[in-house]
Amino acid sequence: MDLASFRAHYANNGGSVECVVVLSYWTRKGADRADSRNQLNFFTNSQDNPADQIFIFFSDEKSVGVKTMRKLLGILEEKSIQRGIIIFPGNMTPSARKVIAAMSQQYRLEEFSEADLLVNITHHTLVPLHEVLTPEQKKDLLQK
């Protein structure tokens, strides 16, 4: 699925994608669940540097282990991509985290649990709006 299809299927009228909408697509039980998660995998190019690519990998395994990491690394190697993000429904084993650390020289890998993505940390109301301090406010703060 390319980015345009993804946005057409999941985006609201403002063009943003709510994670809850995407996750509700995955909650179906049955054999097609793994297939639907695999359809979410995609790679894209940076707007600033078209040669810079990233691959987004949605794991269909509840617990991500070395096997899943090998699968992701195989895709990255096949497509000659240096950056990857893995999103998983459950947890990641310590061994899989060691793979990320071991491959940090060759690949830039990031991992996220679906639970971490359910809250948009930049749009919640529990933290006040962050504003840049004026030079006077900065001086007063540093004197305290």
C-alpha atoms as a PDB file:
ATOM      1  CA  MET A   1       0.000   0.000   0.000  1.00  0.00           C
ATOM      2  CA  ASP A   2       1.495   3.343  -0.987  1.00  0.00           C
ATOM      3  CA  LEU A   3       1.158   6.542   1.067  1.00  0.00           C
ATOM      4  CA  ALA A   4      -1.631   7.997  -1.090  1.00  0.00           C
ATOM      5  CA  SER A   5      -3.741   4.844  -0.685  1.00  0.00           C
ATOM      6  CA  PHE A   6      -3.006   4.769   3.042  1.00  0.00           C
ATOM      7  CA  ARG A   7      -4.167   8.368   3.467  1.00  0.00           C
ATOM      8  CA  ALA A   8      -7.239   7.802   1.288  1.00  0.00           C
ATOM      9  CA  HIS A   9      -8.234   4.823   3.412  1.00  0.00           C
ATOM     10  CA  TYR A  10      -7.354   6.088   6.914  1.00  0.00           C
ATOM     11  CA  ALA A  11      -7.077   9.902   6.939  1.00  0.00           C
ATOM     12  CA  ASN A  12      -9.793  12.228   8.181  1.00  0.00           C
ATOM     13  CA  ASN A  13     -10.947  15.327   6.278  1.00  0.00           C
ATOM     14  CA  GLY A  14      -7.999  17.323   7.645  1.00  0.00           C
ATOM     15  CA  GLY A  15      -5.548  14.829   6.166  1.00  0.00           C
ATOM     16  CA  SER A  16      -4.249  13.496   9.468  1.00  0.00           C
ATOM     17  CA  VAL A  17      -4.359   9.836  10.421  1.00  0.00           C
ATOM     18  CA  GLU A  18      -5.679   8.890  13.833  1.00  0.00           C
ATOM     19  CA  CYS A  19      -3.913   5.834  15.233  1.00  0.00           C
ATOM     20  CA  VAL A  20      -7.159   4.613  16.829  1.00  0.00           C
ATOM     21  CA  VAL A  21      -8.791   4.369  13.385  1.00  0.00           C
ATOM     22  CA  VAL A  22      -5.879   2.362  12.013  1.00  0.00           C
ATOM     23  CA  LEU A  23      -5.757   0.101  15.068  1.00  0.00           C
ATOM     24  CA  SER A  24      -9.493  -0.590  14.842  1.00  0.00           C
ATOM     25  CA  TYR A  25      -8.811  -2.043  11.396  1.00  0.00           C
ATOM     26  CA  TRP A  26      -6.525  -4.618  13.030  1.00  0.00           C
ATOM     27  CA  THR A  27      -8.901  -5.755  15.754  1.00  0.00           C
ATOM     28  CA  ARG A  28     -10.698  -8.191  13.479  1.00  0.00           C
ATOM     29  CA  LYS A  29     -10.200 -11.823  14.392  1.00  0.00           C
ATOM     30  CA  GLY A  30      -9.363 -14.483  11.853  1.00  0.00           C
ATOM     31  CA  ALA A  31      -6.877 -15.448   9.201  1.00  0.00           C
ATOM     32  CA  ASP A  32      -6.910 -12.118   7.368  1.00  0.00           C
ATOM     33  CA  ARG A  33      -5.535 -10.199  10.354  1.00  0.00           C
ATOM     34  CA  ALA A  34      -1.884 -10.931   9.493  1.00  0.00           C
ATOM     35  CA  ASP A  35      -2.545 -10.055   5.854  1.00  0.00           C
ATOM     36  CA  SER A  36      -4.140  -6.736   6.839  1.00  0.00           C
ATOM     37  CA  ARG A  37      -1.122  -5.847   8.994  1.00  0.00           C
ATOM     38  CA  ASN A  38       1.256  -6.704   6.151  1.00  0.00           C
ATOM     39  CA  GLN A  39      -0.674  -4.313   3.907  1.00  0.00           C
ATOM     40  CA  LEU A  40       0.290  -1.496   6.263  1.00  0.00           C
ATOM     41  CA  ASN A  41       4.029  -2.017   5.654  1.00  0.00           C
ATOM     42  CA  PHE A  42       5.474   0.679   3.411  1.00  0.00           C
ATOM     43  CA  PHE A  43       8.605   2.595   2.576  1.00  0.00           C
ATOM     44  CA  THR A  44       8.936   6.214   1.627  1.00  0.00           C
ATOM     45  CA  ASN A  45      11.549   8.804   0.674  1.00  0.00           C
ATOM     46  CA  SER A  46      12.554  11.915   2.562  1.00  0.00           C
ATOM     47  CA  GLN A  47      11.170  15.140   1.103  1.00  0.00           C
ATOM     48  CA  ASP A  48      14.551  16.842   1.535  1.00  0.00           C
ATOM     49  CA  ASN A  49      16.651  13.969   0.174  1.00  0.00           C
ATOM     50  CA  PRO A  50      14.882  11.501  -2.147  1.00  0.00           C
ATOM     51  CA  ALA A  51      17.789   9.043  -1.792  1.00  0.00           C
ATOM     52  CA  ASP A  52      17.090   8.793   1.963  1.00  0.00           C
ATOM     53  CA  GLN A  53      14.447   6.094   2.508  1.00  0.00           C
ATOM     54  CA  ILE A  54      12.710   4.617   5.535  1.00  0.00           C
ATOM     55  CA  PHE A  55      10.721   1.396   5.879  1.00  0.00           C
ATOM     56  CA  ILE A  56       7.772   1.131   8.287  1.00  0.00           C
ATOM     57  CA  PHE A  57       7.196  -2.463   9.409  1.00  0.00           C
ATOM     58  CA  PHE A  58       4.056  -3.543  11.285  1.00  0.00           C
ATOM     59  CA  SER A  59       4.817  -6.823  13.043  1.00  0.00           C
ATOM     60  CA  ASP A  60       2.042  -9.399  13.121  1.00  0.00           C
ATOM     61  CA  GLU A  61       3.637 -11.200  16.076  1.00  0.00           C
ATOM     62  CA  LYS A  62       2.554 -10.260  19.579  1.00  0.00           C
ATOM     63  CA  SER A  63       6.080 -10.696  20.945  1.00  0.00           C
ATOM     64  CA  VAL A  64       8.831  -9.466  18.637  1.00  0.00           C
ATOM     65  CA  GLY A  65      11.919 -11.648  18.787  1.00  0.00           C
ATOM     66  CA  VAL A  66      15.080 -12.235  16.804  1.00  0.00           C
ATOM     67  CA  LYS A  67      13.113 -14.023  14.049  1.00  0.00           C
ATOM     68  CA  THR A  68      11.005 -10.927  13.383  1.00  0.00           C
ATOM     69  CA  MET A  69      14.078  -8.707  13.476  1.00  0.00           C
ATOM     70  CA  ARG A  70      15.785 -10.945  10.895  1.00  0.00           C
ATOM     71  CA  LYS A  71      12.719 -10.563   8.678  1.00  0.00           C
ATOM     72  CA  LEU A  72      12.864  -6.755   8.992  1.00  0.00           C
ATOM     73  CA  LEU A  73      16.626  -6.645   8.376  1.00  0.00           C
ATOM     74  CA  GLY A  74      16.178  -8.879   5.326  1.00  0.00           C
ATOM     75  CA  ILE A  75      13.692  -6.427   3.846  1.00  0.00           C
ATOM     76  CA  LEU A  76      15.979  -3.467   4.603  1.00  0.00           C
ATOM     77  CA  GLU A  77      18.943  -5.234   3.009  1.00  0.00           C
ATOM     78  CA  GLU A  78      16.934  -6.300  -0.047  1.00  0.00           C
ATOM     79  CA  LYS A  79      15.671  -2.762  -0.679  1.00  0.00           C
ATOM     80  CA  SER A  80      19.001  -1.088   0.320  1.00  0.00           C
ATOM     81  CA  ILE A  81      17.280   1.005   3.001  1.00  0.00           C
ATOM     82  CA  GLN A  82      19.237   2.189   6.054  1.00  0.00           C
ATOM     83  CA  ARG A  83      16.347   3.341   8.268  1.00  0.00           C
ATOM     84  CA  GLY A  84      13.496   1.328   9.698  1.00  0.00           C
ATOM     85  CA  ILE A  85      10.657   1.577  12.181  1.00  0.00           C
ATOM     86  CA  ILE A  86       9.028  -1.508  13.676  1.00  0.00           C
ATOM     87  CA  ILE A  87       5.590  -1.255  15.280  1.00  0.00           C
ATOM     88  CA  PHE A  88       4.377  -4.218  17.302  1.00  0.00           C
ATOM     89  CA  PRO A  89       1.171  -5.108  19.194  1.00  0.00           C
ATOM     90  CA  GLY A  90       2.711  -6.600  22.348  1.00  0.00           C
ATOM     91  CA  ASN A  91       6.278  -6.446  23.538  1.00  0.00           C
ATOM     92  CA  MET A  92       9.833  -6.839  22.303  1.00  0.00           C
ATOM     93  CA  THR A  93      12.194  -9.426  23.743  1.00  0.00           C
ATOM     94  CA  PRO A  94      15.562  -8.357  25.171  1.00  0.00           C
ATOM     95  CA  SER A  95      17.264 -10.342  22.402  1.00  0.00           C
ATOM     96  CA  ALA A  96      15.454  -8.326  19.744  1.00  0.00           C
ATOM     97  CA  ARG A  97      16.529  -5.091  21.449  1.00  0.00           C
ATOM     98  CA  LYS A  98      20.111  -6.388  21.357  1.00  0.00           C
ATOM     99  CA  VAL A  99      19.760  -6.884  17.598  1.00  0.00           C
ATOM    100  CA  ILE A 100      18.778  -3.212  17.261  1.00  0.00           C
ATOM    101  CA  ALA A 101      21.838  -2.190  19.296  1.00  0.00           C
ATOM    102  CA  ALA A 102      24.143  -4.536  17.388  1.00  0.00           C
ATOM    103  CA  MET A 103      22.976  -3.248  14.013  1.00  0.00           C
ATOM    104  CA  SER A 104      23.119   0.443  14.969  1.00  0.00           C
ATOM    105  CA  GLN A 105      26.282   0.999  12.898  1.00  0.00           C
ATOM    106  CA  GLN A 106      24.643  -0.289   9.728  1.00  0.00           C
ATOM    107  CA  TYR A 107      20.961   0.603  10.249  1.00  0.00           C
ATOM    108  CA  ARG A 108      19.018   3.209  12.154  1.00  0.00           C
ATOM    109  CA  LEU A 109      16.173   1.238  13.708  1.00  0.00           C
ATOM    110  CA  GLU A 110      13.410   2.518  15.958  1.00  0.00           C
ATOM    111  CA  GLU A 111      10.752   0.477  17.757  1.00  0.00           C
ATOM    112  CA  PHE A 112       7.316   1.398  19.034  1.00  0.00           C
ATOM    113  CA  SER A 113       4.616  -0.534  20.827  1.00  0.00           C
ATOM    114  CA  GLU A 114       1.091   0.123  19.555  1.00  0.00           C
ATOM    115  CA  ALA A 115       0.142   1.134  23.098  1.00  0.00           C
ATOM    116  CA  ASP A 116       2.737   3.932  22.917  1.00  0.00           C
ATOM    117  CA  LEU A 117       1.119   5.267  19.753  1.00  0.00           C
ATOM    118  CA  LEU A 118      -2.439   5.479  21.049  1.00  0.00           C
ATOM    119  CA  VAL A 119      -1.887   8.912  22.618  1.00  0.00           C
ATOM    120  CA  ASN A 120      -0.662  11.794  20.512  1.00  0.00           C
ATOM    121  CA  ILE A 121       1.681  13.320  23.056  1.00  0.00           C
ATOM    122  CA  THR A 122       1.756  16.662  21.233  1.00  0.00           C
ATOM    123  CA  HIS A 123      -2.025  17.144  21.358  1.00  0.00           C
ATOM    124  CA  HIS A 124      -3.062  16.113  24.848  1.00  0.00           C
ATOM    125  CA  THR A 125      -4.230  18.576  27.511  1.00  0.00           C
ATOM    126  CA  LEU A 126      -2.194  17.389  30.497  1.00  0.00           C
ATOM    127  CA  VAL A 127       0.883  19.450  29.595  1.00  0.00           C
ATOM    128  CA  PRO A 128       0.577  23.219  29.055  1.00  0.00           C
ATOM    129  CA  LEU A 129       1.527  24.746  25.727  1.00  0.00           C
ATOM    130  CA  HIS A 130       5.298  25.191  25.416  1.00  0.00           C
ATOM    131  CA  GLU A 131       6.338  28.670  24.367  1.00  0.00           C
ATOM    132  CA  VAL A 132       9.765  30.154  23.663  1.00  0.00           C
ATOM    133  CA  LEU A 133      10.918  32.476  26.438  1.00  0.00           C
ATOM    134  CA  THR A 134      11.700  36.082  25.709  1.00  0.00           C
ATOM    135  CA  PRO A 135      15.271  37.158  26.505  1.00  0.00           C
ATOM    136  CA  GLU A 136      13.993  38.868  29.691  1.00  0.00           C
ATOM    137  CA  GLN A 137      12.126  35.744  30.837  1.00  0.00           C
ATOM    138  CA  LYS A 138      15.201  33.637  30.135  1.00  0.00           C
ATOM    139  CA  LYS A 139      17.401  35.975  32.165  1.00  0.00           C
ATOM    140  CA  ASP A 140      14.935  35.925  35.087  1.00  0.00           C
ATOM    141  CA  LEU A 141      14.719  32.136  34.985  1.00  0.00           C
ATOM    142  CA  LEU A 142      18.495  31.694  34.958  1.00  0.00           C
ATOM    143  CA  GLN A 143      18.885  34.057  37.930  1.00  0.00           C
ATOM    144  CA  LYS A 144      16.579  31.923  40.092  1.00  0.00           C
END
